[in-house]
Amino acid sequence: MMLASLLTSAFLVAGVCAWRMIQGVDGPATKMVLKTGIYTAAIIIPLQILAGDLHGLNTLEHQPAKVAAMEAVWETEKGAGFTLIGLPDEEARETRFALKIPYAASLILTHELEGEVKGLNDFEAHPPVAPVFWSFRVMTGVGTLMLLVSWWGAWQLFRRGALNNLALRAVSLMTFSGWVASVAGWYVTEIGRQPWIVQGLVSTADVVAQHPTATLSGTLFGYVGLYIALMIAYMKALRIMAVKPAKTLEQDSNPLGTPLMGTSA
């Protein structure tokens, strides 16, 4: 969790700095903050991938149905392929138009080419497949882009001392990538645990409160509305700060005109 938060923050500050440089409103500190964000992301993301791998091994052991849903594996098999993209069909119990990398799922999940991966048909109860399947691919797809962009940016900074225009735009587009990957990961975690609250012991049906449908719907929409409003306000405030010229930001942070440390009166 800490690594994910650091990674999200790193891309946020790097993306905002890249945007300021594109718009030509950057100041002396912008490049330094950009470097800090990119180098931090380049270091943290391999550690996050390692942590994810360890978490995957634990999930395979204790929540195998979640793993089967993540991969949309219907029949137990050895040497299971990794489905890059496809359309899980729970009624037909198959994944249509699946594009697979042979043996990759077994290699990733068990660290063996012929490792066995249990299929969904072996479980009496399993999570809804499509939301878990797609959320996992959003998480891993965005994570892969974060790795490529951060390493590309770090390489350019190391070799040239600056990012070219294409790299700046790529970093800017990835401003909220950490948030997207984190939310997708939580979808995998929380939807993937269904129908269990405690795996194999306590189901969701055992602990659900007997509230009227209107109460549940009102509470849900209230929370969703509140978070959407907060997110819009946050992004609007961030944009206002991002497009302000550096001199204006300096004046805002020093409204009384007091000499800043290291400057003359």
Protein backbone atom coordinates (compact mmCIF):
# COMPACT_ATOMS: atom_id res chain seq x y z
CA MET A 1 0.00 0.00 0.00
CA MET A 2 2.81 2.41 0.86
CA LEU A 3 4.59 1.67 -2.43
CA ALA A 4 1.38 2.28 -4.39
CA SER A 5 0.86 5.62 -2.63
CA LEU A 6 4.44 6.70 -3.36
CA LEU A 7 4.07 5.68 -7.00
CA THR A 8 0.78 7.54 -7.35
CA SER A 9 2.31 10.68 -5.85
CA ALA A 10 5.43 10.41 -8.03
CA PHE A 11 3.43 10.33 -11.26
CA LEU A 12 1.13 13.09 -10.03
CA VAL A 13 3.94 15.57 -9.35
CA ALA A 14 5.88 14.53 -12.46
CA GLY A 15 2.79 14.84 -14.65
CA VAL A 16 1.90 18.29 -13.33
CA CYS A 17 5.49 19.48 -13.82
CA ALA A 18 5.53 18.10 -17.37
CA TRP A 19 2.29 19.93 -18.13
CA ARG A 20 3.73 23.20 -16.76
CA MET A 21 6.79 22.82 -18.96
CA ILE A 22 4.64 22.14 -22.02
CA GLN A 23 2.58 25.26 -21.31
CA GLY A 24 5.70 27.35 -20.70
CA VAL A 25 4.73 28.39 -17.17
CA ASP A 26 7.46 26.45 -15.40
CA GLY A 27 9.99 27.93 -12.99
CA PRO A 28 13.46 26.97 -11.74
CA ALA A 29 12.06 24.39 -9.32
CA THR A 30 9.82 22.65 -11.88
CA LYS A 31 12.59 20.65 -13.53
CA MET A 32 13.95 19.53 -10.16
CA VAL A 33 10.54 18.32 -9.01
CA LEU A 34 10.01 16.59 -12.36
CA LYS A 35 13.29 14.72 -11.96
CA THR A 36 12.37 13.71 -8.41
CA GLY A 37 9.02 12.33 -9.54
CA ILE A 38 10.39 10.37 -12.50
CA TYR A 39 13.38 8.91 -10.67
CA THR A 40 11.14 7.95 -7.73
CA ALA A 41 8.68 6.23 -10.05
CA ALA A 42 11.48 4.43 -11.93
CA ILE A 43 12.79 3.01 -8.65
CA ILE A 44 9.46 2.26 -6.96
CA ILE A 45 7.60 0.53 -9.78
CA PRO A 46 9.90 -2.55 -9.98
CA LEU A 47 9.46 -2.93 -6.21
CA GLN A 48 5.69 -2.66 -6.67
CA ILE A 49 5.82 -5.37 -9.35
CA LEU A 50 7.78 -7.62 -6.98
CA ALA A 51 5.25 -6.98 -4.20
CA GLY A 52 2.44 -7.76 -6.65
CA ASP A 53 4.10 -11.05 -7.60
CA LEU A 54 4.37 -12.08 -3.94
CA HIS A 55 0.75 -11.08 -3.40
CA GLY A 56 -0.25 -13.15 -6.43
CA LEU A 57 1.41 -16.25 -5.00
CA ASN A 58 -0.46 -15.72 -1.73
CA THR A 59 -3.75 -15.21 -3.57
CA LEU A 60 -3.25 -18.38 -5.60
CA GLU A 61 -2.86 -20.32 -2.35
CA HIS A 62 -5.69 -18.78 -0.33
CA GLN A 63 -8.12 -17.41 -2.95
CA PRO A 64 -7.73 -19.59 -6.05
CA ALA A 65 -11.20 -18.70 -7.37
CA LYS A 66 -10.17 -15.04 -7.54
CA VAL A 67 -7.10 -15.98 -9.59
CA ALA A 68 -9.22 -18.12 -11.91
CA ALA A 69 -11.54 -15.14 -12.45
CA MET A 70 -8.59 -12.79 -13.05
CA GLU A 71 -7.36 -15.07 -15.81
CA ALA A 72 -10.81 -16.29 -16.95
CA VAL A 73 -9.55 -19.87 -16.71
CA TRP A 74 -12.58 -22.16 -16.85
CA GLU A 75 -11.00 -25.61 -16.81
CA THR A 76 -8.12 -26.67 -14.57
CA GLU A 77 -5.00 -26.99 -16.67
CA LYS A 78 -1.25 -27.16 -16.58
CA GLY A 79 0.75 -24.76 -18.69
CA ALA A 80 -2.14 -22.29 -18.77
CA GLY A 81 -1.82 -19.42 -21.20
CA PHE A 82 -2.22 -15.77 -20.22
CA THR A 83 -5.21 -14.14 -21.91
CA LEU A 84 -4.17 -10.70 -23.12
CA ILE A 85 -7.69 -9.86 -24.19
CA GLY A 86 -10.98 -11.68 -24.60
CA LEU A 87 -14.66 -11.65 -23.71
CA PRO A 88 -15.53 -13.87 -20.71
CA ASP A 89 -18.94 -15.50 -21.13
CA GLU A 90 -20.22 -16.94 -17.85
CA GLU A 91 -23.25 -18.56 -19.45
CA ALA A 92 -21.21 -20.44 -22.04
CA ARG A 93 -18.35 -20.96 -19.52
CA GLU A 94 -15.74 -19.82 -22.00
CA THR A 95 -13.72 -16.76 -23.03
CA ARG A 96 -14.57 -15.72 -26.56
CA PHE A 97 -11.99 -14.26 -28.97
CA ALA A 98 -9.21 -14.94 -26.46
CA LEU A 99 -5.72 -13.84 -27.46
CA LYS A 100 -3.28 -15.82 -25.31
CA ILE A 101 0.42 -16.07 -24.56
CA PRO A 102 1.12 -19.81 -24.15
CA TYR A 103 2.22 -20.97 -20.67
CA ALA A 104 2.44 -17.38 -19.42
CA ALA A 105 -0.34 -17.62 -16.79
CA SER A 106 1.24 -20.70 -15.21
CA LEU A 107 4.68 -19.10 -15.30
CA ILE A 108 3.46 -15.87 -13.69
CA LEU A 109 1.24 -17.53 -11.10
CA THR A 110 3.25 -20.60 -10.15
CA HIS A 111 6.72 -19.72 -11.52
CA GLU A 112 6.62 -22.99 -13.48
CA LEU A 113 5.85 -23.44 -17.18
CA GLU A 114 3.69 -26.49 -16.44
CA GLY A 115 2.27 -25.17 -13.18
CA GLU A 116 -1.35 -26.07 -12.51
CA VAL A 117 -4.00 -23.34 -12.43
CA LYS A 118 -7.44 -24.30 -11.13
CA GLY A 119 -10.38 -23.40 -13.34
CA LEU A 120 -13.63 -21.70 -12.37
CA ASN A 121 -15.60 -24.88 -13.05
CA ASP A 122 -13.90 -26.50 -10.05
CA PHE A 123 -15.50 -24.05 -7.60
CA GLU A 124 -19.06 -24.14 -6.33
CA ALA A 125 -18.98 -20.37 -5.92
CA HIS A 126 -16.75 -17.83 -7.60
CA PRO A 127 -16.72 -14.04 -8.16
CA PRO A 128 -18.30 -12.40 -11.22
CA VAL A 129 -15.73 -13.01 -13.91
CA ALA A 130 -15.94 -10.04 -16.30
CA PRO A 131 -15.39 -7.22 -13.73
CA VAL A 132 -12.42 -9.02 -12.16
CA PHE A 133 -10.96 -10.01 -15.54
CA TRP A 134 -11.12 -6.48 -16.98
CA SER A 135 -10.07 -4.69 -13.79
CA PHE A 136 -6.97 -6.85 -13.63
CA ARG A 137 -6.09 -5.98 -17.21
CA VAL A 138 -6.58 -2.27 -16.59
CA MET A 139 -4.32 -2.52 -13.53
CA THR A 140 -1.57 -4.47 -15.28
CA GLY A 141 -1.85 -2.48 -18.52
CA VAL A 142 -1.55 0.88 -16.79
CA GLY A 143 1.23 -0.51 -14.58
CA THR A 144 3.17 -1.58 -17.67
CA LEU A 145 2.79 1.90 -19.17
CA MET A 146 3.99 3.43 -15.89
CA LEU A 147 7.10 1.25 -16.01
CA LEU A 148 7.88 2.13 -19.63
CA VAL A 149 7.25 5.86 -19.26
CA SER A 150 9.21 6.21 -16.01
CA TRP A 151 12.21 4.27 -17.34
CA TRP A 152 12.11 6.16 -20.64
CA GLY A 153 11.99 9.45 -18.77
CA ALA A 154 14.76 8.42 -16.37
CA TRP A 155 16.96 7.38 -19.32
CA GLN A 156 16.46 10.72 -21.05
CA LEU A 157 17.18 12.64 -17.86
CA PHE A 158 20.32 10.59 -17.28
CA ARG A 159 21.61 10.95 -20.84
CA ARG A 160 20.36 14.41 -21.86
CA GLY A 161 19.44 16.09 -18.59
CA ALA A 162 15.97 16.90 -19.93
CA LEU A 163 12.91 15.32 -21.53
CA ASN A 164 12.04 15.90 -25.18
CA ASN A 165 8.55 17.11 -26.10
CA LEU A 166 7.21 13.62 -26.76
CA ALA A 167 8.38 12.35 -23.37
CA LEU A 168 6.95 15.43 -21.63
CA ARG A 169 3.55 14.75 -23.17
CA ALA A 170 3.75 11.07 -22.22
CA VAL A 171 4.54 11.93 -18.60
CA SER A 172 1.76 14.53 -18.57
CA LEU A 173 -0.78 11.99 -19.85
CA MET A 174 0.25 9.63 -17.03
CA THR A 175 -0.52 12.18 -14.28
CA PHE A 176 -3.40 10.15 -12.83
CA SER A 177 -2.15 6.72 -13.88
CA GLY A 178 -1.32 5.68 -10.32
CA TRP A 179 -4.85 6.46 -9.21
CA VAL A 180 -6.35 4.47 -12.11
CA ALA A 181 -4.15 1.44 -11.39
CA SER A 182 -4.88 1.59 -7.65
CA VAL A 183 -8.66 1.78 -8.14
CA ALA A 184 -8.56 -1.08 -10.65
CA GLY A 185 -6.51 -3.09 -8.15
CA TRP A 186 -9.10 -2.49 -5.43
CA TYR A 187 -11.82 -3.68 -7.81
CA VAL A 188 -9.87 -6.90 -8.32
CA THR A 189 -9.40 -7.30 -4.56
CA GLU A 190 -12.93 -6.54 -3.42
CA ILE A 191 -15.00 -7.96 -6.28
CA GLY A 192 -12.63 -10.92 -6.50
CA ARG A 193 -13.30 -11.96 -2.90
CA GLN A 194 -16.99 -12.52 -3.62
CA PRO A 195 -19.06 -14.31 -2.49
CA TRP A 196 -16.90 -14.48 0.64
CA ILE A 197 -16.17 -12.02 3.43
CA VAL A 198 -13.82 -14.55 5.05
CA GLN A 199 -12.66 -17.03 2.41
CA GLY A 200 -14.52 -20.31 2.75
CA LEU A 201 -16.01 -19.42 6.17
CA VAL A 202 -18.26 -16.35 6.06
CA SER A 203 -20.19 -15.35 2.95
CA THR A 204 -21.48 -11.93 1.98
CA ALA A 205 -25.03 -13.22 2.37
CA ASP A 206 -24.32 -14.13 6.02
CA VAL A 207 -23.44 -10.57 7.07
CA VAL A 208 -25.51 -8.36 4.77
CA ALA A 209 -27.79 -6.04 6.73
CA GLN A 210 -31.54 -6.19 6.17
CA HIS A 211 -31.95 -2.60 4.99
CA PRO A 212 -34.61 -1.52 2.49
CA THR A 213 -33.47 -1.21 -1.10
CA ALA A 214 -34.17 2.53 -1.10
CA THR A 215 -31.86 3.05 1.90
CA LEU A 216 -29.02 1.13 0.28
CA SER A 217 -29.46 2.89 -3.05
CA GLY A 218 -29.62 6.32 -1.42
CA THR A 219 -26.49 5.68 0.62
CA LEU A 220 -24.59 4.35 -2.39
CA PHE A 221 -25.54 7.23 -4.68
CA GLY A 222 -24.79 9.70 -1.88
CA TYR A 223 -21.27 8.37 -1.44
CA VAL A 224 -20.69 8.18 -5.20
CA GLY A 225 -21.95 11.74 -5.66
CA LEU A 226 -19.79 13.05 -2.83
CA TYR A 227 -16.63 11.43 -4.16
CA ILE A 228 -17.33 12.59 -7.72
CA ALA A 229 -17.78 16.16 -6.45
CA LEU A 230 -14.56 15.97 -4.43
CA MET A 231 -12.67 14.52 -7.40
CA ILE A 232 -13.91 17.27 -9.73
CA ALA A 233 -12.99 19.97 -7.20
CA TYR A 234 -9.56 18.42 -6.67
CA MET A 235 -8.80 18.17 -10.37
CA LYS A 236 -10.05 21.71 -11.03
CA ALA A 237 -7.89 23.14 -8.23
CA LEU A 238 -4.92 21.14 -9.49
CA ARG A 239 -5.41 22.46 -13.01
CA ILE A 240 -5.63 26.07 -11.80
CA MET A 241 -2.36 25.65 -9.93
CA ALA A 242 -0.74 23.84 -12.86
CA VAL A 243 -1.37 26.61 -15.38
CA LYS A 244 -0.31 29.50 -13.13
CA PRO A 245 2.98 31.13 -14.18
CA ALA A 246 5.88 30.53 -11.81
CA LYS A 247 6.05 34.23 -10.82
CA THR A 248 2.38 34.18 -9.82
CA LEU A 249 2.89 31.08 -7.70
CA GLU A 250 5.84 32.75 -5.99
CA GLN A 251 3.73 35.81 -5.23
CA ASP A 252 0.86 33.67 -3.92
CA SER A 253 3.20 31.84 -1.55
CA ASN A 254 4.71 35.17 -0.37
CA PRO A 255 1.80 37.66 -0.40
CA LEU A 256 3.44 40.19 1.94
CA GLY A 257 6.47 40.56 -0.26
CA THR A 258 8.83 39.30 2.45
CA PRO A 259 12.22 38.34 0.90
CA LEU A 260 12.42 34.59 0.43
CA MET A 261 15.29 32.64 1.91
CA GLY A 262 18.32 32.90 -0.32
CA THR A 263 17.11 36.07 -2.10
CA SER A 264 18.01 39.69 -1.59
CA ALA A 265 15.58 42.29 -0.28
